[in-house]
C-alpha atoms as a PDB file:
ATOM      1  CA  MET A   1     -15.592 -26.006 -19.832  1.00  0.00           C
ATOM      2  CA  SER A   2     -15.891 -27.213 -16.243  1.00  0.00           C
ATOM      3  CA  LYS A   3     -12.084 -27.511 -16.058  1.00  0.00           C
ATOM      4  CA  THR A   4     -11.814 -23.742 -16.648  1.00  0.00           C
ATOM      5  CA  THR A   5     -14.399 -23.100 -13.926  1.00  0.00           C
ATOM      6  CA  ILE A   6     -12.513 -25.307 -11.484  1.00  0.00           C
ATOM      7  CA  THR A   7      -9.264 -23.496 -12.284  1.00  0.00           C
ATOM      8  CA  ILE A   8     -10.853 -20.076 -11.794  1.00  0.00           C
ATOM      9  CA  GLY A   9     -12.545 -21.314  -8.629  1.00  0.00           C
ATOM     10  CA  SER A  10      -9.298 -22.728  -7.250  1.00  0.00           C
ATOM     11  CA  VAL A  11      -7.462 -19.473  -8.001  1.00  0.00           C
ATOM     12  CA  PHE A  12     -10.191 -17.463  -6.275  1.00  0.00           C
ATOM     13  CA  SER A  13     -10.099 -19.848  -3.314  1.00  0.00           C
ATOM     14  CA  SER A  14      -6.309 -19.542  -3.101  1.00  0.00           C
ATOM     15  CA  VAL A  15      -6.460 -15.733  -3.125  1.00  0.00           C
ATOM     16  CA  LYS A  16      -9.249 -15.755  -0.529  1.00  0.00           C
ATOM     17  CA  ASN A  17      -7.219 -18.092   1.704  1.00  0.00           C
ATOM     18  CA  HIS A  18      -4.171 -15.833   1.300  1.00  0.00           C
ATOM     19  CA  PHE A  19      -6.134 -12.835   2.617  1.00  0.00           C
ATOM     20  CA  LYS A  20      -7.620 -14.886   5.465  1.00  0.00           C
ATOM     21  CA  GLU A  21      -4.166 -16.120   6.487  1.00  0.00           C
ATOM     22  CA  SER A  22      -2.738 -12.608   6.285  1.00  0.00           C
ATOM     23  CA  TYR A  23      -5.536 -11.374   8.567  1.00  0.00           C
ATOM     24  CA  ARG A  24      -5.065 -14.298  10.970  1.00  0.00           C
ATOM     25  CA  LEU A  25      -1.315 -13.740  11.300  1.00  0.00           C
ATOM     26  CA  SER A  26      -1.623 -10.046  12.218  1.00  0.00           C
ATOM     27  CA  LYS A  27      -4.779  -7.968  12.240  1.00  0.00           C
ATOM     28  CA  VAL A  28      -2.755  -4.767  12.787  1.00  0.00           C
ATOM     29  CA  ALA A  29      -0.516  -5.462   9.780  1.00  0.00           C
ATOM     30  CA  PHE A  30      -3.533  -6.475   7.686  1.00  0.00           C
ATOM     31  CA  TYR A  31      -5.445  -3.238   8.314  1.00  0.00           C
ATOM     32  CA  SER A  32      -2.250  -1.205   7.967  1.00  0.00           C
ATOM     33  CA  GLU A  33      -1.693  -2.783   4.545  1.00  0.00           C
ATOM     34  CA  LEU A  34      -5.320  -2.188   3.589  1.00  0.00           C
ATOM     35  CA  CYS A  35      -5.129   1.528   4.442  1.00  0.00           C
ATOM     36  CA  GLU A  36      -1.700   1.779   2.814  1.00  0.00           C
ATOM     37  CA  ALA A  37      -3.026   0.284  -0.430  1.00  0.00           C
ATOM     38  CA  VAL A  38      -6.022   2.651  -0.500  1.00  0.00           C
ATOM     39  CA  LEU A  39      -3.890   5.741   0.233  1.00  0.00           C
ATOM     40  CA  VAL A  40      -1.023   4.950  -2.138  1.00  0.00           C
ATOM     41  CA  GLY A  41      -3.383   3.773  -4.879  1.00  0.00           C
ATOM     42  CA  GLY A  42      -5.514   6.904  -4.455  1.00  0.00           C
ATOM     43  CA  ALA A  43      -2.445   9.151  -4.463  1.00  0.00           C
ATOM     44  CA  SER A  44      -1.210   7.469  -7.618  1.00  0.00           C
ATOM     45  CA  ALA A  45      -4.585   8.019  -9.317  1.00  0.00           C
ATOM     46  CA  ILE A  46      -4.616  11.686  -8.265  1.00  0.00           C
ATOM     47  CA  LEU A  47      -1.108  12.169  -9.635  1.00  0.00           C
ATOM     48  CA  THR A  48      -2.064  10.429 -12.877  1.00  0.00           C
ATOM     49  CA  PHE A  49      -5.138  12.566 -13.484  1.00  0.00           C
ATOM     50  CA  THR A  50      -3.540  15.869 -12.430  1.00  0.00           C
ATOM     51  CA  VAL A  51      -0.123  15.316 -14.029  1.00  0.00           C
ATOM     52  CA  LEU A  52      -0.242  18.541 -16.062  1.00  0.00           C
ATOM     53  CA  ASP A  53      -0.999  20.557 -12.912  1.00  0.00           C
ATOM     54  CA  PRO A  54      -0.126  18.160 -10.066  1.00  0.00           C
ATOM     55  CA  ALA A  55      -2.282  18.295  -6.935  1.00  0.00           C
ATOM     56  CA  THR A  56       0.772  17.971  -4.683  1.00  0.00           C
ATOM     57  CA  LYS A  57      -1.027  19.195  -1.557  1.00  0.00           C
ATOM     58  CA  ILE A  58      -3.320  16.188  -1.857  1.00  0.00           C
ATOM     59  CA  PHE A  59      -1.182  13.290  -3.102  1.00  0.00           C
ATOM     60  CA  ILE A  60       2.085  13.912  -1.219  1.00  0.00           C
ATOM     61  CA  PRO A  61       0.438  13.638   2.237  1.00  0.00           C
ATOM     62  CA  MET A  62      -1.380  10.526   1.012  1.00  0.00           C
ATOM     63  CA  TYR A  63       1.908   8.996  -0.156  1.00  0.00           C
ATOM     64  CA  PHE A  64       3.574   9.912   3.152  1.00  0.00           C
ATOM     65  CA  ILE A  65       0.874   8.349   5.344  1.00  0.00           C
ATOM     66  CA  GLY A  66       0.657   5.300   3.071  1.00  0.00           C
ATOM     67  CA  SER A  67       4.428   4.829   3.197  1.00  0.00           C
ATOM     68  CA  ALA A  68       4.491   5.166   6.987  1.00  0.00           C
ATOM     69  CA  LEU A  69       1.768   2.520   7.242  1.00  0.00           C
ATOM     70  CA  GLY A  70       3.911   0.377   4.942  1.00  0.00           C
ATOM     71  CA  VAL A  71       6.801   0.629   7.390  1.00  0.00           C
ATOM     72  CA  ILE A  72       4.515  -0.455  10.221  1.00  0.00           C
ATOM     73  CA  SER A  73       3.159  -3.476   8.373  1.00  0.00           C
ATOM     74  CA  THR A  74       6.538  -4.612   7.011  1.00  0.00           C
ATOM     75  CA  VAL A  75       8.142  -4.392  10.457  1.00  0.00           C
ATOM     76  CA  ILE A  76       5.298  -6.477  11.914  1.00  0.00           C
ATOM     77  CA  ARG A  77       5.631  -9.015   9.075  1.00  0.00           C
ATOM     78  CA  LYS A  78       9.447  -8.990   9.406  1.00  0.00           C
ATOM     79  CA  ALA A  79       9.883  -8.247   5.684  1.00  0.00           C
ATOM     80  CA  SER A  80      13.335  -6.669   5.809  1.00  0.00           C
ATOM     81  CA  PHE A  81      13.813  -5.432   2.243  1.00  0.00           C
ATOM     82  CA  ALA A  82      10.231  -4.182   2.026  1.00  0.00           C
ATOM     83  CA  THR A  83      10.879  -2.279   5.276  1.00  0.00           C
ATOM     84  CA  VAL A  84      13.950  -0.651   3.724  1.00  0.00           C
ATOM     85  CA  LEU A  85      11.958   0.299   0.622  1.00  0.00           C
ATOM     86  CA  THR A  86       8.937   1.687   2.480  1.00  0.00           C
ATOM     87  CA  GLY A  87      11.283   3.448   4.921  1.00  0.00           C
ATOM     88  CA  TRP A  88      13.001   5.129   1.971  1.00  0.00           C
ATOM     89  CA  PHE A  89       9.640   6.205   0.529  1.00  0.00           C
ATOM     90  CA  THR A  90       8.599   7.596   3.922  1.00  0.00           C
ATOM     91  CA  ILE A  91      11.798   9.654   4.215  1.00  0.00           C
ATOM     92  CA  MET A  92      11.473  10.989   0.651  1.00  0.00           C
ATOM     93  CA  ASN A  93       7.803  11.865   1.150  1.00  0.00           C
ATOM     94  CA  PHE A  94       8.628  13.558   4.467  1.00  0.00           C
ATOM     95  CA  ILE A  95      11.187  15.730   2.664  1.00  0.00           C
ATOM     96  CA  ALA A  96       8.552  16.522   0.019  1.00  0.00           C
ATOM     97  CA  LEU A  97       6.086  17.509   2.775  1.00  0.00           C
ATOM     98  CA  ILE A  98       8.641  19.867   4.323  1.00  0.00           C
ATOM     99  CA  LYS A  99       9.401  21.455   0.941  1.00  0.00           C
ATOM    100  CA  LEU A 100       5.703  21.740   0.118  1.00  0.00           C
ATOM    101  CA  PHE A 101       4.311  23.013   3.421  1.00  0.00           C
ATOM    102  CA  GLY A 102       7.444  24.202   5.268  1.00  0.00           C
END
């Protein structure tokens, strides 16, 4: 039984160290990623629960801001393909914003 506890403890420690190292390497990227995760996760939940009558005026701006924060953090982290992907999402969400509010 203690072997399972050690394994769970070592996994938790590894995840904790990953977050600490991410924060240490770039505080701006870290907080950008944190806000991005909250916004995109929240937008996804809103879309999921309003799918029959989508709350587009709420989740599309959340997706757009989250995607833009993703571009910022991936540029800082020099993650080229993630930058391309988040850049694409930002462009698509910008188009959606124009169609929705324009």
